[in-house]
Amino acid sequence: MSSSLVDRFKERKLVQWALAYLAAAWVLFEVADVVGGRLGWPDAVYRQLLVVLMTGFLIVLVLAWYHGEKGEQAVRVPEILMLVGIVALGVGALASYRTDRPEEGTDGLVVRSPGSVAVLAFADMSAAGDQSAFSFQGGSTDVRSIGDRLDVRHVLEGSVRHDGQRVRISVKLVDTSDGFEVWSRSLTRELTDVIRLQEEVAALVVSELRPQLTDLPIRTARTSDPDAHLHYLRGRYHWHRMNAEAAVASFEEAIVLDSTFAGAWAGLGSSLTVLAITTGDPETRTRAMAAVDRATALDRDLPDALAAKARSDLTFRYDWLAAEEALRRAVVLDPNHVETRHWYSHVLAWTGRTREAVEQARAAVALDPLSPFMGLNLGNALHAAGSSEEALQQIEATLELEPTFALAWLWLWESRLAAGILEGAADALVRWAGLSGGSAEGAHEVSRRISAYRSSGRRPGIPPGMGEELPLSSEWLRRVHSELGEDDLVLDSLWQAYEAHSGAYDVLSIKLGGRYQRLRDNPRFEELVARIGPS
């Protein structure tokens, strides 16, 4: 570098301008990191901020060169052209960043559309007819209708024939746009190789669809015992049907056959966790935590195990950081893991990051569009985000999909109460009672008392035995007491649930402003909020 150029650098104090800008940019980025950490900003925000700061650095260098201490004061054409070019580069970088990447969800984790292939239940062609447990709702359905409902390009269907120690699987891939068969294949293997056969079929499908699919890692819950695998699949079936007791029995059968089967331990932990929450039984809670610990010890990278760990860490230990760390890792390992998305949406909503909670809930619905549970979860996330009308519509749509989903009727009851639709709320509570073996008269009586309290402000209370007559869980009884203005009973019950580590959702979501808003000025309530966390 010539001495004259160095002198011009010194005259314009180019180094001083650059160092001052870098120092200010560093402080700004550190402040953004602290604030963003508190507010749950996604990583995309920081990357975009970095692009802006780099663009600003180039602009500062140009301004220093032309307008430093002994630089020219007049604006010149070269300067304008340089500034315009730098701004154009910065804008182009941001635009390229936004368009070259897939849609992102929480913390920059990619939400990939599952709209590639749907796998239907294979027809059981065996003589006994006992080899298939799953089916698309409504039985035989035109593949084009399935493609429209599930937003998929292809449908994989086939048949299974079991004869002695041999199994024959016939597979065909159908294009949902026109109903024509893309390809077909038949494979015959010994029954002892059935797990390898499943992987072989999956590999065939992936190789056929590879141009349309991303290279995502596929994690499977492995076992070498085909009978253990069958019991595991039955456990997953019962789990998705929300029959936790049957799921526990199936997963335990799998573990008896293969005690090192991490997927079965994870399923057992998740199922026992649900039972512990609904029953409040301390022994079940202890068994649930032990099963989860065993699953993660066997395979720390299994998404099922990580999702189960997150639920256990939070519901029983109030360990928010450990729960979120497990969920973030699970999403990275398998972005298409539905249970991770579902549970992550809860954690985000309960920590006040409601917009991101809705993103995760929508991702779960996209991955499993026919699951009423995922649909209800989206409704709950929308409700937490303040989108009450959309939440109500989502819950109603979920019940159209599965009218016998009892829990959704309870959520519809609460959502309609929040919207002031008292008659519709009463109808929803009655429907829930009918599905749950409760008393329709009791549901009508609770609704009548809530209406009376809202119109008069007098607290009519709940008649003795009303909780058993309906019957309502402790969590939903708290909500009834709250609707009747019985704040002391609500507080006593919340504290009991907190101290028992019962995993009640209304305890974990206590920081949200909605359901117990009237208690916000109560010192006992504020102390409980502080204890539950997150800090």
Protein backbone atom coordinates (compact mmCIF):
# COMPACT_ATOMS: atom_id res chain seq x y z
CA MET A 1 0.00 0.00 0.00
CA SER A 2 1.51 3.37 -1.04
CA SER A 3 2.31 6.02 1.56
CA SER A 4 -0.09 8.45 -0.10
CA LEU A 5 -2.99 6.00 0.29
CA VAL A 6 -2.08 5.41 3.94
CA ASP A 7 -2.01 9.16 4.46
CA ARG A 8 -5.49 9.49 2.95
CA PHE A 9 -6.72 6.72 5.28
CA LYS A 10 -5.33 8.68 8.21
CA GLU A 11 -6.74 11.99 7.01
CA ARG A 12 -10.23 10.57 6.72
CA LYS A 13 -9.89 8.59 9.98
CA LEU A 14 -11.13 5.51 8.14
CA VAL A 15 -9.84 3.10 10.81
CA GLN A 16 -11.46 5.08 13.63
CA TRP A 17 -14.82 5.11 11.81
CA ALA A 18 -14.59 1.37 11.15
CA LEU A 19 -13.68 0.50 14.76
CA ALA A 20 -16.40 2.73 16.16
CA TYR A 21 -19.01 1.12 13.93
CA LEU A 22 -17.85 -2.40 14.76
CA ALA A 23 -17.99 -1.64 18.49
CA ALA A 24 -21.52 -0.23 18.19
CA ALA A 25 -22.63 -3.17 16.02
CA TRP A 26 -21.23 -5.65 18.52
CA VAL A 27 -23.13 -3.99 21.39
CA LEU A 28 -26.32 -3.96 19.31
CA PHE A 29 -25.96 -7.64 18.44
CA GLU A 30 -25.31 -8.58 22.08
CA VAL A 31 -28.38 -6.63 23.22
CA ALA A 32 -30.46 -8.31 20.51
CA ASP A 33 -29.18 -11.70 21.67
CA VAL A 34 -30.27 -11.02 25.27
CA VAL A 35 -33.65 -9.56 24.32
CA GLY A 36 -34.28 -12.22 21.67
CA GLY A 37 -33.44 -14.97 24.13
CA ARG A 38 -36.08 -13.65 26.49
CA LEU A 39 -38.70 -13.22 23.78
CA GLY A 40 -37.88 -16.44 21.92
CA TRP A 41 -36.82 -14.87 18.61
CA PRO A 42 -36.00 -17.44 15.90
CA ASP A 43 -32.42 -17.74 14.59
CA ALA A 44 -33.59 -16.21 11.31
CA VAL A 45 -33.87 -12.81 13.02
CA TYR A 46 -30.20 -12.86 14.04
CA ARG A 47 -29.04 -13.89 10.59
CA GLN A 48 -31.04 -11.09 8.99
CA LEU A 49 -29.68 -8.62 11.54
CA LEU A 50 -26.15 -9.73 10.67
CA VAL A 51 -26.80 -9.02 6.97
CA VAL A 52 -28.06 -5.53 7.86
CA LEU A 53 -25.03 -4.82 10.07
CA MET A 54 -22.59 -5.98 7.38
CA THR A 55 -24.32 -3.76 4.83
CA GLY A 56 -24.09 -0.85 7.26
CA PHE A 57 -20.38 -1.46 7.73
CA LEU A 58 -19.74 -1.04 3.99
CA ILE A 59 -21.85 2.12 3.96
CA VAL A 60 -19.84 3.56 6.85
CA LEU A 61 -16.56 2.89 5.01
CA VAL A 62 -17.84 4.74 1.94
CA LEU A 63 -19.07 7.69 4.02
CA ALA A 64 -15.77 7.83 5.91
CA TRP A 65 -13.79 7.84 2.69
CA TYR A 66 -15.75 10.70 1.18
CA HIS A 67 -16.66 12.66 4.31
CA GLY A 68 -13.98 11.90 6.89
CA GLU A 69 -12.27 14.70 8.77
CA LYS A 70 -10.40 15.96 5.70
CA GLY A 71 -12.54 14.36 3.04
CA GLU A 72 -14.72 16.13 0.51
CA GLN A 73 -17.97 17.62 1.78
CA ALA A 74 -19.85 17.58 -1.51
CA VAL A 75 -21.68 14.44 -2.59
CA ARG A 76 -20.18 12.95 -5.73
CA VAL A 77 -21.64 10.62 -8.35
CA PRO A 78 -19.20 7.75 -7.59
CA GLU A 79 -20.20 7.92 -3.93
CA ILE A 80 -23.90 7.73 -4.79
CA LEU A 81 -23.33 4.79 -7.12
CA MET A 82 -21.33 2.93 -4.48
CA LEU A 83 -23.97 3.50 -1.81
CA VAL A 84 -26.78 2.41 -4.13
CA GLY A 85 -24.80 -0.70 -5.06
CA ILE A 86 -24.16 -1.63 -1.42
CA VAL A 87 -27.81 -1.16 -0.47
CA ALA A 88 -28.85 -3.24 -3.49
CA LEU A 89 -26.47 -6.01 -2.44
CA GLY A 90 -27.86 -5.96 1.11
CA VAL A 91 -31.46 -6.05 -0.06
CA GLY A 92 -30.60 -8.81 -2.52
CA ALA A 93 -28.95 -10.85 0.23
CA LEU A 94 -32.04 -10.52 2.44
CA ALA A 95 -34.38 -11.37 -0.44
CA SER A 96 -32.26 -14.35 -1.44
CA TYR A 97 -32.22 -15.51 2.16
CA ARG A 98 -36.01 -15.33 2.39
CA THR A 99 -36.72 -17.06 -0.92
CA ASP A 100 -33.98 -19.68 -1.04
CA ARG A 101 -34.95 -21.28 2.27
CA PRO A 102 -38.02 -23.32 3.10
CA GLU A 103 -40.57 -21.95 5.50
CA GLU A 104 -39.13 -21.87 8.99
CA GLY A 105 -40.70 -22.51 12.34
CA THR A 106 -39.42 -22.03 15.85
CA ASP A 107 -35.74 -21.14 16.17
CA GLY A 108 -35.15 -21.61 12.45
CA LEU A 109 -36.12 -25.26 12.51
CA VAL A 110 -37.43 -26.22 9.09
CA VAL A 111 -41.10 -27.14 8.80
CA ARG A 112 -41.13 -29.35 5.74
CA SER A 113 -44.41 -30.14 4.06
CA PRO A 114 -45.34 -33.81 4.24
CA GLY A 115 -47.24 -33.50 0.93
CA SER A 116 -45.31 -36.25 -0.88
CA VAL A 117 -46.70 -39.65 -0.01
CA ALA A 118 -49.37 -41.16 2.22
CA VAL A 119 -49.10 -44.79 3.33
CA LEU A 120 -52.44 -46.56 3.59
CA ALA A 121 -53.13 -49.71 5.55
CA PHE A 122 -52.18 -52.78 3.60
CA ALA A 123 -55.03 -55.18 2.91
CA ASP A 124 -54.82 -58.40 4.92
CA MET A 125 -54.98 -61.32 2.50
CA SER A 126 -54.07 -63.94 5.12
CA ALA A 127 -56.48 -66.77 5.83
CA ALA A 128 -56.94 -65.69 9.47
CA GLY A 129 -57.45 -62.05 8.56
CA ASP A 130 -55.54 -60.85 11.64
CA GLN A 131 -52.51 -59.10 10.16
CA SER A 132 -53.78 -55.52 9.83
CA ALA A 133 -54.83 -53.03 12.51
CA PHE A 134 -55.00 -49.67 10.75
CA SER A 135 -57.27 -48.21 8.09
CA PHE A 136 -58.05 -44.91 6.44
CA GLN A 137 -61.27 -43.51 7.87
CA GLY A 138 -64.30 -44.48 5.87
CA GLY A 139 -62.80 -47.71 4.48
CA SER A 140 -62.16 -47.91 0.76
CA THR A 141 -61.59 -44.41 -0.57
CA ASP A 142 -60.62 -43.13 -4.02
CA VAL A 143 -56.92 -42.20 -4.04
CA ARG A 144 -57.67 -38.84 -5.64
CA SER A 145 -59.92 -37.98 -2.69
CA ILE A 146 -57.16 -39.07 -0.33
CA GLY A 147 -54.68 -36.88 -2.20
CA ASP A 148 -56.99 -33.88 -1.83
CA ARG A 149 -57.63 -34.47 1.88
CA LEU A 150 -54.01 -35.14 2.82
CA ASP A 151 -52.30 -32.88 0.25
CA VAL A 152 -50.09 -35.68 -1.11
CA ARG A 153 -48.92 -36.47 -4.62
CA HIS A 154 -48.65 -40.25 -4.17
CA VAL A 155 -50.38 -42.96 -2.19
CA LEU A 156 -48.67 -46.20 -1.22
CA GLU A 157 -51.01 -49.16 -0.83
CA GLY A 158 -50.71 -52.88 -0.98
CA SER A 159 -51.51 -56.23 0.62
CA VAL A 160 -49.99 -58.67 3.07
CA ARG A 161 -50.34 -62.47 2.88
CA HIS A 162 -49.02 -64.55 5.78
CA ASP A 163 -48.57 -68.25 5.12
CA GLY A 164 -46.71 -70.26 7.75
CA GLN A 165 -43.25 -68.78 8.24
CA ARG A 166 -43.35 -66.76 5.04
CA VAL A 167 -44.92 -63.39 4.33
CA ARG A 168 -45.61 -61.90 0.93
CA ILE A 169 -46.03 -58.14 0.54
CA SER A 170 -47.34 -56.58 -2.65
CA VAL A 171 -46.84 -52.83 -2.96
CA LYS A 172 -47.99 -50.27 -5.48
CA LEU A 173 -47.49 -46.52 -5.74
CA VAL A 174 -50.40 -44.54 -7.18
CA ASP A 175 -50.37 -40.97 -8.50
CA THR A 176 -53.25 -39.15 -6.78
CA SER A 177 -53.57 -36.62 -9.61
CA ASP A 178 -54.88 -39.18 -12.09
CA GLY A 179 -55.27 -42.43 -10.16
CA PHE A 180 -52.75 -44.29 -12.34
CA GLU A 181 -50.26 -46.77 -10.93
CA VAL A 182 -46.66 -45.49 -10.98
CA TRP A 183 -45.01 -48.81 -10.18
CA SER A 184 -45.58 -52.02 -8.24
CA ARG A 185 -43.45 -54.63 -6.58
CA SER A 186 -43.90 -57.91 -4.69
CA LEU A 187 -41.51 -59.29 -2.09
CA THR A 188 -41.52 -62.61 -0.25
CA ARG A 189 -39.46 -63.12 2.86
CA GLU A 190 -39.20 -65.31 5.92
CA LEU A 191 -41.28 -64.04 8.83
CA THR A 192 -38.14 -63.63 10.95
CA ASP A 193 -36.99 -60.94 8.50
CA VAL A 194 -40.21 -58.91 8.63
CA ILE A 195 -38.54 -55.81 10.10
CA ARG A 196 -35.87 -55.86 7.41
CA LEU A 197 -38.66 -56.32 4.87
CA GLN A 198 -40.39 -53.15 6.11
CA GLU A 199 -37.17 -51.22 5.69
CA GLU A 200 -36.72 -52.69 2.20
CA VAL A 201 -40.21 -51.54 1.18
CA ALA A 202 -39.53 -48.09 2.61
CA ALA A 203 -36.24 -47.88 0.70
CA LEU A 204 -38.01 -48.75 -2.54
CA VAL A 205 -40.54 -45.96 -2.04
CA VAL A 206 -37.88 -43.41 -1.10
CA SER A 207 -35.75 -44.29 -4.13
CA GLU A 208 -38.77 -43.84 -6.40
CA LEU A 209 -39.69 -40.48 -4.88
CA ARG A 210 -36.18 -39.20 -4.23
CA PRO A 211 -36.44 -36.36 -6.80
CA GLN A 212 -39.39 -34.96 -4.82
CA LEU A 213 -38.11 -35.74 -1.32
CA THR A 214 -35.47 -34.06 0.80
CA ASP A 215 -32.60 -36.03 2.24
CA LEU A 216 -34.01 -36.17 5.74
CA PRO A 217 -32.52 -38.55 8.30
CA ILE A 218 -34.97 -41.28 9.21
CA ARG A 219 -34.84 -42.51 12.79
CA THR A 220 -36.60 -45.74 13.63
CA ALA A 221 -37.29 -47.44 16.94
CA ARG A 222 -35.30 -50.62 16.27
CA THR A 223 -35.57 -54.14 17.63
CA SER A 224 -34.46 -57.44 16.16
CA ASP A 225 -37.48 -59.26 17.59
CA PRO A 226 -40.46 -59.21 15.18
CA ASP A 227 -42.96 -60.03 17.94
CA ALA A 228 -41.64 -57.17 20.06
CA HIS A 229 -41.99 -54.90 17.05
CA LEU A 230 -45.59 -56.04 16.55
CA HIS A 231 -46.46 -55.24 20.17
CA TYR A 232 -44.75 -51.87 19.77
CA LEU A 233 -46.89 -51.09 16.72
CA ARG A 234 -50.00 -52.03 18.66
CA GLY A 235 -48.89 -49.72 21.44
CA ARG A 236 -48.49 -46.88 18.96
CA TYR A 237 -51.94 -47.65 17.58
CA HIS A 238 -53.53 -47.42 21.04
CA TRP A 239 -51.48 -44.30 21.80
CA HIS A 240 -52.83 -42.51 18.73
CA ARG A 241 -56.33 -43.67 19.68
CA MET A 242 -55.76 -42.01 23.09
CA ASN A 243 -56.16 -45.30 24.96
CA ALA A 244 -53.25 -44.97 27.36
CA GLU A 245 -54.02 -48.10 29.38
CA ALA A 246 -54.05 -50.35 26.31
CA ALA A 247 -50.89 -48.63 25.04
CA VAL A 248 -49.11 -49.35 28.33
CA ALA A 249 -50.03 -53.04 28.11
CA SER A 250 -48.73 -53.34 24.53
CA PHE A 251 -45.47 -51.50 25.19
CA GLU A 252 -44.86 -53.65 28.27
CA GLU A 253 -45.33 -56.80 26.14
CA ALA A 254 -42.72 -55.46 23.71
CA ILE A 255 -40.28 -54.79 26.56
CA VAL A 256 -40.74 -58.30 27.97
CA LEU A 257 -39.58 -59.65 24.61
CA ASP A 258 -36.77 -57.10 24.15
CA SER A 259 -35.69 -55.18 27.24
CA THR A 260 -33.30 -53.02 25.15
CA PHE A 261 -36.05 -51.72 22.82
CA ALA A 262 -35.70 -47.94 23.30
CA GLY A 263 -38.83 -47.12 21.28
CA ALA A 264 -41.00 -49.33 23.46
CA TRP A 265 -39.57 -47.74 26.62
CA ALA A 266 -40.30 -44.28 25.19
CA GLY A 267 -43.86 -45.27 24.34
CA LEU A 268 -44.33 -46.74 27.80
CA GLY A 269 -43.01 -43.56 29.42
CA SER A 270 -45.31 -41.32 27.39
CA SER A 271 -48.35 -43.51 28.05
CA LEU A 272 -47.65 -43.74 31.78
CA THR A 273 -47.19 -39.98 31.89
CA VAL A 274 -50.68 -39.46 30.49
CA LEU A 275 -52.09 -41.94 33.01
CA ALA A 276 -50.25 -40.24 35.86
CA ILE A 277 -51.69 -36.87 34.84
CA THR A 278 -55.25 -38.16 34.56
CA THR A 279 -55.21 -40.30 37.71
CA GLY A 280 -52.85 -38.32 39.93
CA ASP A 281 -51.28 -41.59 41.08
CA PRO A 282 -47.73 -41.05 42.47
CA GLU A 283 -46.68 -44.64 41.73
CA THR A 284 -47.65 -44.27 38.08
CA ARG A 285 -45.67 -41.02 37.94
CA THR A 286 -42.59 -42.80 39.31
CA ARG A 287 -42.96 -45.60 36.74
CA ALA A 288 -43.34 -43.03 33.96
CA MET A 289 -40.13 -41.20 34.88
CA ALA A 290 -38.22 -44.48 35.18
CA ALA A 291 -39.39 -45.62 31.72
CA VAL A 292 -38.39 -42.30 30.16
CA ASP A 293 -34.96 -42.43 31.79
CA ARG A 294 -34.49 -45.96 30.48
CA ALA A 295 -35.45 -44.92 26.94
CA THR A 296 -32.99 -42.02 26.82
CA ALA A 297 -30.25 -44.17 28.33
CA LEU A 298 -30.73 -46.72 25.54
CA ASP A 299 -30.90 -44.17 22.72
CA ARG A 300 -30.34 -40.49 23.48
CA ASP A 301 -30.95 -39.57 19.82
CA LEU A 302 -34.36 -41.21 19.43
CA PRO A 303 -37.02 -38.48 18.86
CA ASP A 304 -39.68 -40.56 20.64
CA ALA A 305 -37.46 -40.76 23.70
CA LEU A 306 -36.61 -37.05 23.59
CA ALA A 307 -40.27 -36.06 23.29
CA ALA A 308 -41.14 -38.32 26.22
CA LYS A 309 -38.26 -36.84 28.22
CA ALA A 310 -39.47 -33.30 27.57
CA ARG A 311 -42.96 -34.14 28.77
CA SER A 312 -41.60 -35.83 31.89
CA ASP A 313 -39.09 -33.07 32.67
CA LEU A 314 -41.77 -30.42 32.49
CA THR A 315 -44.89 -32.04 33.90
CA PHE A 316 -43.21 -33.74 36.85
CA ARG A 317 -40.09 -31.66 37.49
CA TYR A 318 -40.98 -28.17 36.17
CA ASP A 319 -37.62 -28.20 34.39
CA TRP A 320 -38.40 -25.86 31.50
CA LEU A 321 -34.85 -25.60 30.17
CA ALA A 322 -34.32 -29.37 29.99
CA ALA A 323 -37.71 -29.87 28.32
CA GLU A 324 -37.07 -27.28 25.61
CA GLU A 325 -33.53 -28.53 24.99
CA ALA A 326 -34.85 -32.06 24.43
CA LEU A 327 -37.54 -30.82 22.04
CA ARG A 328 -35.15 -28.66 20.02
CA ARG A 329 -32.84 -31.65 19.61
CA ALA A 330 -35.73 -33.92 18.62
CA VAL A 331 -36.90 -31.50 15.90
CA VAL A 332 -33.39 -31.28 14.47
CA LEU A 333 -33.09 -35.07 14.41
CA ASP A 334 -36.50 -35.54 12.79
CA PRO A 335 -38.41 -32.44 11.60
CA ASN A 336 -41.38 -34.66 10.73
CA HIS A 337 -41.86 -36.08 14.22
CA VAL A 338 -45.46 -35.21 15.09
CA GLU A 339 -45.30 -35.70 18.85
CA THR A 340 -42.32 -33.35 19.10
CA ARG A 341 -44.14 -30.59 17.23
CA HIS A 342 -47.25 -31.14 19.34
CA TRP A 343 -45.49 -30.96 22.68
CA TYR A 344 -43.20 -28.12 21.58
CA SER A 345 -46.28 -26.04 20.80
CA HIS A 346 -47.41 -26.48 24.41
CA VAL A 347 -44.05 -25.39 25.85
CA LEU A 348 -43.90 -22.34 23.59
CA ALA A 349 -47.45 -21.28 24.45
CA TRP A 350 -46.89 -21.71 28.17
CA THR A 351 -43.74 -19.58 28.02
CA GLY A 352 -45.55 -16.77 26.20
CA ARG A 353 -44.17 -17.43 22.69
CA THR A 354 -47.66 -17.94 21.34
CA ARG A 355 -46.98 -17.06 17.70
CA GLU A 356 -44.30 -19.74 17.48
CA ALA A 357 -46.59 -22.13 19.35
CA VAL A 358 -49.15 -21.75 16.58
CA GLU A 359 -46.43 -22.45 13.98
CA GLN A 360 -45.51 -25.70 15.68
CA ALA A 361 -49.15 -26.70 16.11
CA ARG A 362 -49.82 -26.04 12.41
CA ALA A 363 -46.77 -28.15 11.53
CA ALA A 364 -48.17 -31.03 13.61
CA VAL A 365 -51.52 -30.78 11.81
CA ALA A 366 -49.76 -30.71 8.43
CA LEU A 367 -47.86 -33.87 9.37
CA ASP A 368 -50.97 -35.66 10.66
CA PRO A 369 -54.03 -33.91 9.18
CA LEU A 370 -56.49 -36.62 10.19
CA SER A 371 -55.52 -36.61 13.87
CA PRO A 372 -58.28 -34.99 15.96
CA PHE A 373 -55.79 -34.56 18.78
CA MET A 374 -53.47 -32.46 16.58
CA GLY A 375 -56.47 -30.44 15.42
CA LEU A 376 -57.51 -29.76 19.00
CA ASN A 377 -53.95 -28.80 19.89
CA LEU A 378 -53.96 -26.19 17.12
CA GLY A 379 -57.20 -24.79 18.50
CA ASN A 380 -55.63 -24.51 21.95
CA ALA A 381 -52.54 -22.78 20.53
CA LEU A 382 -54.72 -20.28 18.66
CA HIS A 383 -56.67 -19.62 21.85
CA ALA A 384 -53.43 -18.97 23.76
CA ALA A 385 -52.33 -16.57 21.00
CA GLY A 386 -55.52 -14.52 21.40
CA SER A 387 -57.12 -15.68 18.14
CA SER A 388 -60.31 -16.71 19.92
CA GLU A 389 -62.60 -16.80 16.90
CA GLU A 390 -60.19 -18.86 14.81
CA ALA A 391 -59.57 -21.14 17.79
CA LEU A 392 -63.29 -21.77 18.14
CA GLN A 393 -63.58 -22.57 14.44
CA GLN A 394 -60.64 -24.97 14.66
CA ILE A 395 -62.13 -26.87 17.61
CA GLU A 396 -65.48 -27.11 15.83
CA ALA A 397 -63.70 -28.42 12.71
CA THR A 398 -61.92 -31.02 14.86
CA LEU A 399 -65.25 -32.25 16.17
CA GLU A 400 -66.58 -32.50 12.62
CA LEU A 401 -63.65 -34.82 11.94
CA GLU A 402 -64.21 -36.86 15.13
CA PRO A 403 -67.60 -36.17 16.82
CA THR A 404 -66.88 -38.67 19.61
CA PHE A 405 -63.71 -36.89 20.78
CA ALA A 406 -64.86 -36.16 24.35
CA LEU A 407 -61.98 -33.89 25.34
CA ALA A 408 -62.67 -31.60 22.38
CA TRP A 409 -66.22 -31.04 23.66
CA LEU A 410 -64.78 -29.82 26.97
CA TRP A 411 -62.51 -27.39 25.14
CA LEU A 412 -65.45 -26.28 23.04
CA TRP A 413 -67.38 -25.66 26.25
CA GLU A 414 -64.62 -23.44 27.63
CA SER A 415 -64.06 -21.64 24.30
CA ARG A 416 -67.75 -20.85 23.94
CA LEU A 417 -67.88 -19.59 27.52
CA ALA A 418 -64.93 -17.31 26.78
CA ALA A 419 -66.80 -16.01 23.71
CA GLY A 420 -69.99 -15.45 25.74
CA ILE A 421 -71.93 -18.15 23.86
CA LEU A 422 -73.60 -19.56 26.98
CA GLU A 423 -76.27 -21.73 25.35
CA GLY A 424 -73.76 -23.27 22.96
CA ALA A 425 -71.40 -23.86 25.89
CA ALA A 426 -74.13 -25.72 27.76
CA ASP A 427 -74.76 -27.92 24.72
CA ALA A 428 -71.05 -28.75 24.47
CA LEU A 429 -70.87 -29.72 28.16
CA VAL A 430 -73.90 -31.97 27.78
CA ARG A 431 -72.33 -33.66 24.74
CA TRP A 432 -69.15 -34.23 26.73
CA ALA A 433 -71.12 -35.74 29.60
CA GLY A 434 -72.88 -38.14 27.25
CA LEU A 435 -69.56 -39.34 25.80
CA SER A 436 -67.87 -39.63 29.19
CA GLY A 437 -70.56 -41.51 31.09
CA GLY A 438 -71.54 -38.42 33.05
CA SER A 439 -74.90 -36.94 33.93
CA ALA A 440 -76.63 -34.71 31.39
CA GLU A 441 -78.67 -33.25 34.26
CA GLY A 442 -75.47 -32.41 36.11
CA ALA A 443 -74.06 -30.69 33.03
CA HIS A 444 -77.26 -28.66 32.66
CA GLU A 445 -77.10 -27.70 36.33
CA VAL A 446 -73.50 -26.51 36.11
CA SER A 447 -74.36 -24.47 33.02
CA ARG A 448 -77.41 -22.96 34.74
CA ARG A 449 -75.32 -21.87 37.74
CA ILE A 450 -72.63 -20.32 35.52
CA SER A 451 -75.29 -18.34 33.65
CA ALA A 452 -76.81 -17.21 36.96
CA TYR A 453 -73.42 -16.10 38.28
CA ARG A 454 -72.65 -14.14 35.13
CA SER A 455 -76.00 -12.35 35.24
CA SER A 456 -76.15 -11.64 39.00
CA GLY A 457 -72.60 -11.83 40.32
CA ARG A 458 -73.76 -14.09 43.18
CA ARG A 459 -71.78 -17.26 43.67
CA PRO A 460 -74.12 -20.26 43.62
CA GLY A 461 -71.34 -22.83 44.10
CA ILE A 462 -71.25 -26.48 43.03
CA PRO A 463 -73.60 -28.93 44.77
CA PRO A 464 -71.87 -31.70 46.79
CA GLY A 465 -70.96 -34.65 44.59
CA MET A 466 -71.29 -32.68 41.36
CA GLY A 467 -67.71 -33.50 40.34
CA GLU A 468 -68.35 -37.22 40.75
CA GLU A 469 -71.71 -37.01 39.00
CA LEU A 470 -70.36 -35.47 35.82
CA PRO A 471 -67.46 -36.69 36.40
CA LEU A 472 -64.85 -33.96 35.98
CA SER A 473 -61.12 -34.21 36.62
CA SER A 474 -59.55 -31.94 39.22
CA GLU A 475 -58.28 -29.68 36.44
CA TRP A 476 -61.70 -29.20 34.86
CA LEU A 477 -63.35 -28.82 38.27
CA ARG A 478 -60.99 -25.90 38.86
CA ARG A 479 -62.25 -24.34 35.66
CA VAL A 480 -65.86 -24.75 36.79
CA HIS A 481 -65.03 -23.21 40.18
CA SER A 482 -63.33 -20.33 38.37
CA GLU A 483 -66.41 -19.75 36.20
CA LEU A 484 -68.45 -19.56 39.42
CA GLY A 485 -66.11 -17.06 41.05
CA GLU A 486 -64.93 -19.44 43.77
CA ASP A 487 -61.39 -18.12 43.87
CA ASP A 488 -60.30 -19.66 47.18
CA LEU A 489 -61.24 -23.15 46.01
CA VAL A 490 -59.39 -22.57 42.75
CA LEU A 491 -56.24 -21.41 44.54
CA ASP A 492 -56.29 -24.29 47.02
CA SER A 493 -56.65 -26.80 44.19
CA LEU A 494 -53.90 -25.16 42.08
CA TRP A 495 -51.47 -25.31 44.98
CA GLN A 496 -52.32 -28.95 45.63
CA ALA A 497 -51.72 -29.84 41.97
CA TYR A 498 -48.42 -27.94 41.97
CA GLU A 499 -47.14 -29.65 45.13
CA ALA A 500 -48.23 -33.07 43.87
CA HIS A 501 -46.41 -32.54 40.54
CA SER A 502 -49.58 -33.76 38.87
CA GLY A 503 -48.68 -32.36 35.44
CA ALA A 504 -51.95 -30.45 35.10
CA TYR A 505 -51.96 -28.27 32.01
CA ASP A 506 -53.68 -25.36 33.72
CA VAL A 507 -50.85 -25.33 36.30
CA LEU A 508 -48.12 -25.42 33.65
CA SER A 509 -49.86 -22.70 31.62
CA ILE A 510 -50.50 -20.49 34.63
CA LYS A 511 -48.37 -17.64 33.28
CA LEU A 512 -50.76 -17.19 30.36
CA GLY A 513 -53.24 -14.34 30.95
CA GLY A 514 -56.70 -15.80 30.23
CA ARG A 515 -58.28 -18.44 32.37
CA TYR A 516 -57.35 -17.21 35.86
CA GLN A 517 -56.94 -13.54 35.01
CA ARG A 518 -59.13 -12.49 37.95
CA LEU A 519 -56.57 -13.95 40.38
CA ARG A 520 -53.63 -11.89 39.09
CA ASP A 521 -53.64 -9.49 42.05
CA ASN A 522 -53.85 -12.26 44.64
CA PRO A 523 -50.49 -12.72 46.48
CA ARG A 524 -50.99 -16.51 46.74
CA PHE A 525 -51.50 -16.70 42.99
CA GLU A 526 -48.46 -14.55 42.22
CA GLU A 527 -46.29 -16.71 44.48
CA LEU A 528 -47.49 -19.82 42.66
CA VAL A 529 -46.69 -18.28 39.28
CA ALA A 530 -43.18 -17.45 40.47
CA ARG A 531 -42.58 -20.99 41.71
CA ILE A 532 -43.80 -22.81 38.63
CA GLY A 533 -41.65 -20.84 36.21
CA PRO A 534 -40.12 -20.45 33.80
CA SER A 535 -38.09 -17.61 35.24
